Protein backbone atom coordinates (compact mmCIF):
# COMPACT_ATOMS: atom_id res chain seq x y z
CA MET A 1 82.12 327.63 49.35
CA THR A 2 82.48 328.81 53.11
CA THR A 3 86.58 328.21 52.61
CA ASN A 4 86.76 329.83 49.42
CA THR A 5 84.80 332.91 50.51
CA SER A 6 87.06 333.39 53.53
CA LYS A 7 90.03 332.97 50.83
CA ALA A 8 88.45 335.95 48.81
CA GLU A 9 87.54 338.02 51.59
CA ASN A 10 91.77 338.93 52.16
CA ILE A 11 92.01 339.64 48.37
CA PRO A 12 91.89 343.43 48.27
CA LEU A 13 89.17 345.09 46.19
CA TRP A 14 91.42 346.42 43.70
CA LEU A 15 93.38 343.52 43.25
CA ALA A 16 90.17 341.82 42.03
CA PHE A 17 88.95 344.33 39.89
CA LEU A 18 92.52 344.53 38.06
CA PRO A 19 91.76 341.84 35.31
CA LEU A 20 88.34 343.57 35.25
CA VAL A 21 89.77 346.77 34.40
CA SER A 22 92.24 345.57 32.14
CA LEU A 23 89.54 343.96 29.91
CA ILE A 24 87.32 346.89 29.80
CA LEU A 25 90.39 349.10 28.53
CA MET A 26 91.80 346.44 25.78
CA LEU A 27 88.10 345.70 24.76
CA THR A 28 87.42 349.85 24.23
CA ALA A 29 90.83 349.91 22.77
CA ALA A 30 89.59 347.28 20.23
CA VAL A 31 86.35 348.77 19.56
CA SER A 32 87.76 352.00 18.80
CA LEU A 33 90.48 350.28 16.56
CA PHE A 34 88.71 348.15 14.87
CA GLY A 35 85.12 348.84 14.97
CA ASP A 36 83.06 345.90 13.62
CA GLY A 37 86.07 343.76 12.74
CA ALA A 38 87.00 343.70 16.70
CA ALA A 39 85.10 340.66 16.95
CA GLY A 40 87.31 338.69 14.92
CA GLY A 41 90.34 338.47 16.88
CA PRO A 42 91.05 341.69 18.40
CA ASN A 43 88.26 340.87 21.28
CA GLN A 44 89.67 337.47 21.52
CA LEU A 45 93.07 338.85 22.44
CA ALA A 46 91.75 341.51 24.69
CA LEU A 47 90.38 338.56 26.64
CA LEU A 48 93.28 336.09 26.46
CA PHE A 49 95.65 338.83 27.56
CA SER A 50 92.96 339.90 30.82
CA ALA A 51 93.12 336.13 31.65
CA ALA A 52 96.94 336.27 31.93
CA VAL A 53 96.60 339.06 33.99
CA ALA A 54 94.25 337.13 36.32
CA VAL A 55 96.85 334.45 36.12
CA ILE A 56 99.43 336.68 37.49
CA VAL A 57 97.26 338.14 40.08
CA GLY A 58 96.94 334.46 41.40
CA LEU A 59 100.77 333.49 40.88
CA SER A 60 101.38 336.31 43.02
CA ARG A 61 98.92 334.96 45.51
CA GLY A 62 100.79 331.58 45.79
CA GLN A 63 98.06 329.58 43.71
CA LYS A 64 99.87 326.84 41.74
CA TYR A 65 100.41 327.61 37.67
CA ALA A 66 99.05 324.17 37.06
CA ASP A 67 95.62 324.99 39.23
CA LEU A 68 95.23 327.50 37.11
CA GLU A 69 96.10 325.92 33.89
CA SER A 70 93.20 323.49 34.88
CA ALA A 71 90.65 326.07 35.84
CA ILE A 72 91.19 327.51 31.98
CA ILE A 73 90.76 324.15 30.74
CA ASP A 74 87.72 323.25 33.10
CA GLY A 75 86.36 326.74 32.05
CA ILE A 76 86.36 326.13 28.29
CA MET A 77 85.03 322.42 28.57
CA LEU A 78 81.76 324.33 29.89
CA ALA A 79 81.22 326.15 27.07
CA MET A 80 82.14 323.02 24.43
CA ARG A 81 78.28 322.13 24.41
CA ALA A 82 77.57 325.67 22.82
CA CYS A 83 80.81 325.46 20.35
CA LEU A 84 79.36 322.32 19.06
CA ILE A 85 75.94 323.53 19.01
CA LEU A 86 77.18 326.54 17.17
CA LEU A 87 79.22 324.94 14.68
CA MET A 88 76.05 322.36 13.66
CA VAL A 89 73.80 325.97 13.33
CA GLY A 90 76.44 326.69 10.92
CA SER A 91 75.73 324.11 8.97
CA MET A 92 72.44 323.51 9.55
CA ILE A 93 71.99 327.23 8.20
CA GLY A 94 73.71 326.06 4.97
CA SER A 95 72.06 322.98 4.13
CA TRP A 96 68.57 324.82 4.58
CA MET A 97 69.48 327.61 2.03
CA LEU A 98 70.41 324.79 -0.46
CA ALA A 99 67.14 323.11 0.55
CA GLY A 100 65.37 326.29 -0.13
CA THR A 101 63.68 325.53 3.26
CA ALA A 102 64.76 329.46 4.69
CA PRO A 103 63.78 331.06 1.48
CA ALA A 104 60.35 329.23 1.74
CA VAL A 105 60.05 330.34 4.94
CA ILE A 106 61.36 334.21 3.65
CA HIS A 107 58.57 333.40 0.79
CA LEU A 108 55.82 332.79 3.19
CA GLY A 109 56.17 335.65 5.38
CA LEU A 110 56.65 338.11 2.54
CA GLY A 111 52.92 337.23 1.51
CA VAL A 112 51.33 337.61 5.29
CA LEU A 113 53.71 339.81 7.37
CA ASP A 114 52.30 343.31 6.92
CA PRO A 115 55.38 346.03 7.18
CA GLY A 116 53.74 348.50 9.18
CA PHE A 117 53.19 346.01 11.93
CA PHE A 118 56.43 343.80 11.45
CA TYR A 119 58.34 344.61 14.55
CA PRO A 120 55.65 343.86 17.27
CA ALA A 121 54.41 341.14 14.57
CA THR A 122 58.17 339.38 15.01
CA LEU A 123 58.50 339.73 18.60
CA ILE A 124 55.17 337.68 18.85
CA ILE A 125 56.27 335.14 16.08
CA CYS A 126 59.08 334.36 18.39
CA ALA A 127 57.98 334.13 21.45
CA CYS A 128 55.43 331.78 20.73
CA VAL A 129 57.68 329.41 18.83
CA ALA A 130 60.09 329.65 21.57
CA ALA A 131 57.58 328.98 24.16
CA SER A 132 56.72 325.93 22.44
CA ILE A 133 60.34 324.50 22.22
CA GLY A 134 61.87 326.26 25.25
CA SER A 135 64.94 327.29 22.96
CA SER A 136 66.17 331.04 22.35
CA TRP A 137 68.88 329.43 20.50
CA THR A 138 66.53 327.77 17.97
CA THR A 139 64.47 330.01 17.72
CA ALA A 140 66.65 332.93 16.53
CA ALA A 141 68.48 330.37 14.30
CA THR A 142 65.36 329.53 12.33
CA VAL A 143 62.14 331.78 12.30
CA GLY A 144 64.46 334.60 13.43
CA LEU A 145 66.94 334.22 10.70
CA ALA A 146 64.17 334.24 8.16
CA LEU A 147 62.16 337.21 9.53
CA VAL A 148 65.59 339.48 9.08
CA GLY A 149 65.59 338.44 6.04
CA ILE A 150 62.49 339.44 5.52
CA SER A 151 63.40 343.12 7.28
CA ASN A 152 65.87 343.25 4.71
CA ILE A 153 63.72 342.88 1.35
CA LEU A 154 60.92 344.82 2.98
CA GLY A 155 63.70 347.47 3.64
CA LEU A 156 63.27 347.42 7.59
CA SER A 157 65.91 347.47 9.77
CA PRO A 158 67.80 344.07 10.25
CA GLU A 159 69.00 345.95 13.88
CA ILE A 160 65.45 346.37 14.86
CA THR A 161 64.18 343.01 13.63
CA ALA A 162 67.16 341.51 15.28
CA GLY A 163 66.07 343.41 18.81
CA ALA A 164 62.67 342.18 18.10
CA VAL A 165 63.83 338.32 17.46
CA ILE A 166 65.56 338.44 20.42
CA SER A 167 63.25 339.77 22.63
CA GLY A 168 60.74 337.56 21.78
CA ALA A 169 62.87 334.58 22.00
CA TYR A 170 64.14 334.95 25.22
CA PHE A 171 60.47 335.93 26.07
CA GLY A 172 59.26 332.24 25.03
CA ASP A 173 62.34 330.53 26.67
CA LYS A 174 62.05 332.23 29.77
CA MET A 175 58.73 331.46 30.37
CA SER A 176 59.33 327.76 29.02
CA PRO A 177 59.07 325.16 31.30
CA LEU A 178 61.04 323.01 28.36
CA SER A 179 64.45 325.76 28.92
CA ASP A 180 67.35 324.69 30.33
CA THR A 181 67.91 328.16 31.73
CA THR A 182 64.26 328.06 33.53
CA ASN A 183 65.05 324.62 34.95
CA LEU A 184 68.36 325.98 35.94
CA ALA A 185 67.81 329.10 38.18
CA PRO A 186 65.27 327.48 40.60
CA ALA A 187 67.25 323.87 41.00
CA MET A 188 70.33 326.50 41.78
CA VAL A 189 68.26 327.62 44.54
CA ASN A 190 66.12 325.09 45.80
CA VAL A 191 62.65 326.12 44.13
CA ASP A 192 59.44 324.38 42.51
CA LEU A 193 60.05 325.03 38.61
CA PHE A 194 56.21 326.11 38.40
CA THR A 195 56.25 328.46 41.20
CA HIS A 196 59.28 329.92 39.76
CA ILE A 197 57.32 330.56 36.45
CA ARG A 198 54.39 331.72 38.23
CA HIS A 199 56.59 334.33 40.04
CA MET A 200 58.38 335.33 36.59
CA PHE A 201 55.00 336.50 35.47
CA TRP A 202 54.98 339.32 37.04
CA THR A 203 58.02 341.09 36.24
CA THR A 204 57.76 339.78 32.69
CA THR A 205 54.29 340.92 31.72
CA PRO A 206 54.91 344.41 31.68
CA SER A 207 58.33 344.13 30.39
CA LEU A 208 56.77 342.67 27.15
CA ILE A 209 54.09 345.17 27.37
CA ILE A 210 56.17 347.96 27.41
CA SER A 211 58.59 345.98 24.67
CA LEU A 212 55.44 345.86 22.08
CA ILE A 213 54.45 349.03 22.55
CA LEU A 214 57.98 350.21 21.43
CA PHE A 215 58.32 347.98 18.53
CA THR A 216 54.56 349.40 17.24
CA TRP A 217 55.50 352.67 18.24
CA ILE A 218 58.67 352.23 15.94
CA GLY A 219 57.12 350.23 13.29
CA TRP A 220 54.48 353.26 12.48
CA GLY A 221 55.38 354.93 9.05
CA GLY A 222 58.77 353.38 8.55
CA VAL A 223 58.17 351.70 5.48
CA ASN A 224 57.41 353.18 1.78
CA GLY A 225 54.06 351.35 0.65
CA GLU A 226 54.77 351.56 -3.57
CA GLY A 227 58.46 350.74 -3.35
CA THR A 228 57.69 347.94 -0.51
CA VAL A 229 54.91 346.15 -2.70
CA GLU A 230 57.08 346.28 -5.96
CA SER A 231 60.24 344.43 -3.80
CA ILE A 232 57.80 342.41 -2.38
CA ILE A 233 56.43 341.07 -5.65
CA LYS A 234 59.86 341.33 -7.37
CA THR A 235 61.36 339.11 -4.33
CA ARG A 236 58.76 336.21 -4.24
CA ALA A 237 59.19 336.03 -8.18
CA LEU A 238 63.09 335.29 -8.23
CA LEU A 239 62.65 332.93 -5.03
CA GLU A 240 59.89 331.20 -6.71
CA GLU A 241 62.27 330.64 -9.94
CA ASN A 242 65.11 329.74 -7.99
CA TYR A 243 63.56 327.25 -5.66
CA ASN A 244 60.82 324.37 -5.53
CA LEU A 245 58.72 326.18 -2.70
CA GLY A 246 56.12 323.80 -1.95
CA PHE A 247 55.27 322.05 1.28
CA VAL A 248 58.22 319.85 1.02
CA ALA A 249 60.67 322.71 1.69
CA PHE A 250 59.21 323.25 5.14
CA ILE A 251 60.42 319.61 5.97
CA PRO A 252 63.43 320.48 8.18
CA LEU A 253 61.79 323.06 10.07
CA ILE A 254 58.81 320.65 11.07
CA VAL A 255 61.47 317.72 11.92
CA LEU A 256 63.54 320.14 13.92
CA LEU A 257 60.49 321.52 15.84
CA THR A 258 58.79 318.12 16.51
CA LEU A 259 62.30 316.97 18.18
CA ALA A 260 62.46 320.43 20.11
CA VAL A 261 58.77 320.29 21.43
CA LYS A 262 59.71 316.38 22.07
CA LYS A 263 62.59 317.61 24.05
CA VAL A 264 65.06 315.86 22.09
CA PRO A 265 68.85 317.38 23.35
CA ALA A 266 69.49 320.36 21.20
CA LEU A 267 72.95 319.10 19.22
CA PRO A 268 71.41 315.79 18.09
CA THR A 269 68.17 317.76 17.34
CA ILE A 270 70.13 320.45 14.92
CA THR A 271 71.92 317.77 13.50
CA ILE A 272 69.20 315.82 12.41
CA GLY A 273 67.84 319.24 10.90
CA THR A 274 71.06 319.61 9.26
CA VAL A 275 71.09 315.89 7.39
CA THR A 276 66.79 316.51 6.97
CA GLY A 277 68.00 319.93 5.13
CA CYS A 278 70.59 317.63 2.65
CA ILE A 279 67.82 315.12 1.85
CA VAL A 280 65.27 317.76 0.85
CA ALA A 281 67.89 319.42 -1.57
CA VAL A 282 69.16 316.13 -3.07
CA LEU A 283 65.28 315.10 -3.69
CA PHE A 284 63.63 318.47 -4.50
CA GLN A 285 66.30 321.13 -5.28
CA PHE A 286 68.63 318.66 -7.47
CA GLU A 287 69.58 320.91 -10.10
CA SER A 288 70.39 323.73 -8.12
CA THR A 289 72.48 321.71 -5.78
CA ARG A 290 74.18 319.84 -8.56
CA ALA A 291 74.94 323.21 -10.11
CA PHE A 292 76.36 324.45 -6.64
CA GLY A 293 79.07 321.49 -6.26
CA ASP A 294 80.16 322.03 -10.07
CA SER A 295 80.22 325.40 -11.13
CA ALA A 296 83.18 324.45 -13.13
CA GLY A 297 80.81 321.93 -14.98
CA ASP A 298 83.92 319.07 -14.62
CA LEU A 299 82.26 316.53 -12.24
CA SER A 300 79.72 313.44 -12.55
CA THR A 301 76.37 314.22 -10.95
CA PRO A 302 76.93 312.44 -8.28
CA LEU A 303 79.79 313.56 -7.14
CA ALA A 304 78.76 317.44 -7.85
CA VAL A 305 75.58 316.97 -5.59
CA LEU A 306 77.92 315.51 -2.83
CA LYS A 307 80.39 318.80 -3.03
CA GLY A 308 77.09 321.00 -3.33
CA LEU A 309 76.13 319.46 0.20
CA TRP A 310 79.52 319.39 1.91
CA ALA A 311 80.29 322.62 0.41
CA ALA A 312 76.98 323.99 2.04
CA MET A 313 77.33 322.58 5.24
CA THR A 314 81.38 323.50 5.50
CA HIS A 315 81.57 326.98 4.13
CA GLY A 316 77.98 327.91 3.38
CA TYR A 317 75.76 328.42 0.47
CA VAL A 318 76.31 330.94 -2.13
CA ALA A 319 72.97 331.88 -3.93
CA SER A 320 73.00 333.18 -7.31
CA THR A 321 69.52 334.21 -8.43
CA GLY A 322 70.50 337.55 -10.16
CA ASP A 323 69.60 339.64 -7.84
CA ALA A 324 72.63 341.14 -5.83
CA THR A 325 71.16 342.28 -2.59
CA LEU A 326 68.82 338.56 -2.92
CA ASP A 327 72.08 336.89 -3.11
CA GLU A 328 73.77 338.48 -0.76
CA LEU A 329 70.86 337.66 2.03
CA LEU A 330 70.66 334.00 0.99
CA SER A 331 74.59 333.52 0.61
CA ARG A 332 75.33 332.31 4.23
CA GLY A 333 75.92 329.52 6.74
CA GLY A 334 78.65 326.66 6.99
CA MET A 335 80.51 325.64 9.82
CA SER A 336 83.47 328.30 9.29
CA SER A 337 81.26 330.90 9.64
CA MET A 338 81.22 330.11 13.23
CA LEU A 339 84.73 329.57 13.60
CA SER A 340 85.49 333.19 14.98
CA THR A 341 82.55 333.10 17.61
CA VAL A 342 83.96 329.72 18.71
CA TRP A 343 87.22 331.49 18.98
CA LEU A 344 85.63 334.20 20.96
CA ILE A 345 83.47 331.90 23.18
CA ILE A 346 87.08 329.75 24.21
CA SER A 347 88.45 332.83 25.11
CA ALA A 348 85.74 334.29 27.17
CA MET A 349 85.64 331.17 29.17
CA CYS A 350 89.47 331.26 29.83
CA PHE A 351 88.85 334.57 31.67
CA GLY A 352 85.99 333.30 33.19
CA GLY A 353 87.61 330.28 34.59
CA VAL A 354 90.91 331.95 35.82
CA MET A 355 88.80 334.68 37.46
CA GLU A 356 86.54 332.05 39.33
CA LYS A 357 89.57 329.87 40.34
CA THR A 358 91.56 332.60 41.72
CA GLY A 359 88.80 333.80 44.01
CA LEU A 360 88.86 337.42 41.97
CA LEU A 361 84.87 336.69 41.40
CA THR A 362 84.11 335.82 44.78
CA ARG A 363 86.06 338.65 46.40
CA ILE A 364 83.61 341.46 43.87
CA VAL A 365 80.63 339.96 45.10
CA THR A 366 81.08 339.63 48.60
CA GLY A 367 82.38 343.62 48.34
CA ALA A 368 78.99 344.43 46.70
CA LEU A 369 76.98 342.57 49.60
CA LYS A 370 78.60 345.31 51.80
CA HIS A 371 76.46 348.01 50.75
CA VAL A 372 73.15 346.00 50.91
CA ARG A 373 70.93 347.82 52.91
CA GLY A 374 67.23 346.51 52.22
CA THR A 375 65.41 344.28 50.16
CA GLY A 376 65.68 346.69 47.02
CA SER A 377 69.46 347.06 47.25
CA LEU A 378 69.51 343.24 47.45
CA ILE A 379 67.68 342.64 44.43
CA MET A 380 69.60 345.59 42.65
CA THR A 381 72.84 344.03 43.60
CA THR A 382 71.53 340.37 42.58
CA VAL A 383 70.87 342.20 38.80
CA PHE A 384 74.56 343.76 38.67
CA THR A 385 76.07 340.90 40.10
CA ALA A 386 74.27 338.58 37.22
CA ILE A 387 75.39 341.25 34.64
CA GLY A 388 78.54 341.44 35.68
CA MET A 389 79.15 337.42 35.60
CA ASN A 390 77.70 337.97 31.61
CA ILE A 391 80.59 340.42 30.94
CA VAL A 392 83.38 339.00 33.19
CA ALA A 393 82.82 335.20 32.52
CA GLY A 394 81.08 335.20 29.25
CA ASP A 395 78.20 332.64 29.81
CA GLN A 396 74.94 332.70 31.25
CA TYR A 397 74.99 329.56 33.27
CA ILE A 398 77.60 330.94 35.19
CA SER A 399 75.62 334.17 35.78
CA ILE A 400 73.25 332.00 37.30
CA VAL A 401 75.03 329.49 39.37
CA LEU A 402 77.37 331.73 40.90
CA PRO A 403 75.41 334.41 42.08
CA GLY A 404 72.75 331.91 42.73
CA ARG A 405 75.31 330.20 45.00
CA MET A 406 76.60 333.33 46.80
CA TYR A 407 73.38 335.18 47.60
CA MET A 408 70.76 331.98 48.47
CA MET A 409 71.99 332.44 52.03
CA GLU A 410 71.37 335.91 52.24
CA PHE A 411 68.05 336.26 50.42
CA ALA A 412 67.06 333.25 53.46
CA ARG A 413 68.86 335.81 56.05
CA ARG A 414 66.17 338.33 55.53
CA GLY A 415 63.51 336.61 55.11
CA LEU A 416 62.94 336.47 51.24
CA ALA A 417 61.44 333.41 49.90
CA PRO A 418 63.97 331.94 47.35
CA GLN A 419 61.72 332.11 44.27
CA ASN A 420 62.47 336.07 44.58
CA LEU A 421 65.59 334.90 43.72
CA SER A 422 65.04 332.77 41.22
CA ARG A 423 62.95 335.09 39.26
CA THR A 424 66.16 337.88 39.42
CA LEU A 425 68.91 335.41 38.18
CA GLU A 426 66.38 335.27 34.87
CA ASP A 427 65.40 338.58 35.13
CA ALA A 428 69.19 339.71 34.87
CA GLY A 429 71.43 336.73 34.21
CA THR A 430 69.49 335.21 31.30
CA MET A 431 67.68 338.49 29.51
CA THR A 432 71.07 340.11 29.39
CA SER A 433 73.38 337.15 28.04
CA ALA A 434 72.65 337.97 24.65
CA LEU A 435 73.66 341.61 24.67
CA VAL A 436 77.36 341.24 25.84
CA PRO A 437 79.34 340.64 22.28
CA TRP A 438 82.04 337.85 24.10
CA ASN A 439 78.69 335.88 25.76
CA THR A 440 78.31 332.69 24.96
CA CYS A 441 74.92 333.91 24.14
CA GLY A 442 75.92 337.50 22.23
CA ALA A 443 78.16 335.62 20.27
CA PHE A 444 75.40 332.98 19.15
CA MET A 445 72.73 335.17 18.30
CA ALA A 446 75.34 338.11 16.18
CA SER A 447 76.70 335.50 14.16
CA THR A 448 73.09 333.64 13.38
CA LEU A 449 71.51 336.24 12.52
CA GLY A 450 74.41 338.32 10.90
CA VAL A 451 73.94 341.44 13.12
CA ALA A 452 76.58 342.70 15.32
CA THR A 453 75.36 342.70 18.98
CA PHE A 454 75.98 346.47 19.49
CA ALA A 455 73.82 346.92 16.57
CA TYR A 456 71.24 344.84 17.57
CA ALA A 457 71.74 345.62 21.40
CA PRO A 458 69.86 348.98 21.86
CA PHE A 459 66.32 347.57 20.54
CA ALA A 460 66.10 344.46 22.33
CA PHE A 461 63.97 345.85 24.24
CA PHE A 462 62.40 342.95 26.46
CA ASN A 463 65.91 342.25 27.23
CA ILE A 464 67.01 345.35 28.66
CA ILE A 465 63.61 346.25 30.26
CA SER A 466 63.41 343.05 32.37
CA PRO A 467 66.38 343.65 34.98
CA ILE A 468 65.39 347.39 35.39
CA THR A 469 62.00 345.89 36.24
CA ALA A 470 63.31 343.55 38.81
CA ILE A 471 65.10 346.34 40.35
CA VAL A 472 62.00 348.48 40.41
CA TYR A 473 60.06 345.64 42.22
CA GLY A 474 62.54 345.14 44.38
CA PHE A 475 62.46 349.08 45.75
CA LEU A 476 58.76 349.26 45.52
CA ASN A 477 58.34 345.63 47.21
CA ILE A 478 55.94 344.87 44.30
CA LYS A 479 55.48 340.85 44.51
CA ILE A 480 58.23 340.33 46.60
CA THR A 481 57.29 336.98 48.59
CA LYS A 482 58.54 336.58 52.07
CA LEU A 483 59.41 332.90 53.42
CA ASP A 484 56.35 332.49 55.47
CA GLU A 485 54.42 333.13 52.54
CA SER A 486 56.01 330.65 50.03
CA GLU A 487 53.92 328.00 50.50
CA THR A 488 50.88 329.54 49.28
CA ALA A 489 52.67 332.21 46.78
């Protein structure tokens, strides 16, 4: 690490920023020219062209192209797990729509959720689920997806609902000892897991309370009572007509949550959830499964059922309830729906891999340390570095690992216990990953919830407030543990 840092210090700062400036300019142009369609190709090209700029910078400084190409491949490999999970989630959503699992959750939610308290209730529900299973992704892809669907039926904002889903999911994920990032952050700086979680309590609690207040305030008076009641009755009746909504429809969700609680890895958990959805579809939604696979009426029953399952998992389920709004809500899923997101993630990891290999990321970070004066500015620098890693590298793990490696010695040199650093990495790196469209987390949330990242980002209050809270605590010296206090903290 010392050798890499010394090499990076020889890079002019303007040169280190050149690929990043290129990326910002091209992404701005892509959004202005294509709007919401920028995520379907233009953003990917912006990332790839900016990666090419970084490659040119590396070549100009004497690095070999073969080494830079290897860095690109290594960067892509870091994201392969996320890409595989993303594809399987698409398949799971399709099978759950066919099995009636997602419709059953929506039907239940319409019967018990009060529209006036819907947004804060969404946050609380997702926080509890994520804390119990340790996964913001699984929470968003199951309960979160259903809650966004319910918000559409109630005439509420899907963007605000998605913000509440993500706020709750990330709070629960962050505070769960089952979460991968909650284990990664303390491991990077040699902190006990539960010391790390206890230390996070001080920044997450006020962030959560403020978020709940904001969602409650937004929800007041936002629903037309008569229209909402009529819409709920109509939608629940349509769901009952088209699906078997008994206990069996919840079996795939119960199986998935059980496996997650038992710490079964995400990919096999979601795969089993998908298969369970297919089994439930065949056994309890047989007619609709057969009809979906044989719209032309020219296939035998076994082939029609097989085709229905296959089509739902690959291209997604297409509902035909007779209500256009409900059909649009339930017609989703399939691996193919995730392909543009996988493309986005791969492009982002190409850029991040080259930036790290060329030493440009390290140069930007070491340059930032020169302006650090006290504890507050050190924590603020760590926050902005983690956010920058989410933007530049496109992966929340890099936003934890790289700043953790870079700043660990600086925190120790200033007499600060390492749990201050691990907490800050989570407050900034984990929390802001879902706010960047080309980050693996932002891309996943947008694809899964069906709401664009920039559309839900202003309402992901917990994710926005957490890094601000970390900075405020740093400058006001609130709950900043010193090294000699760390044994009793």
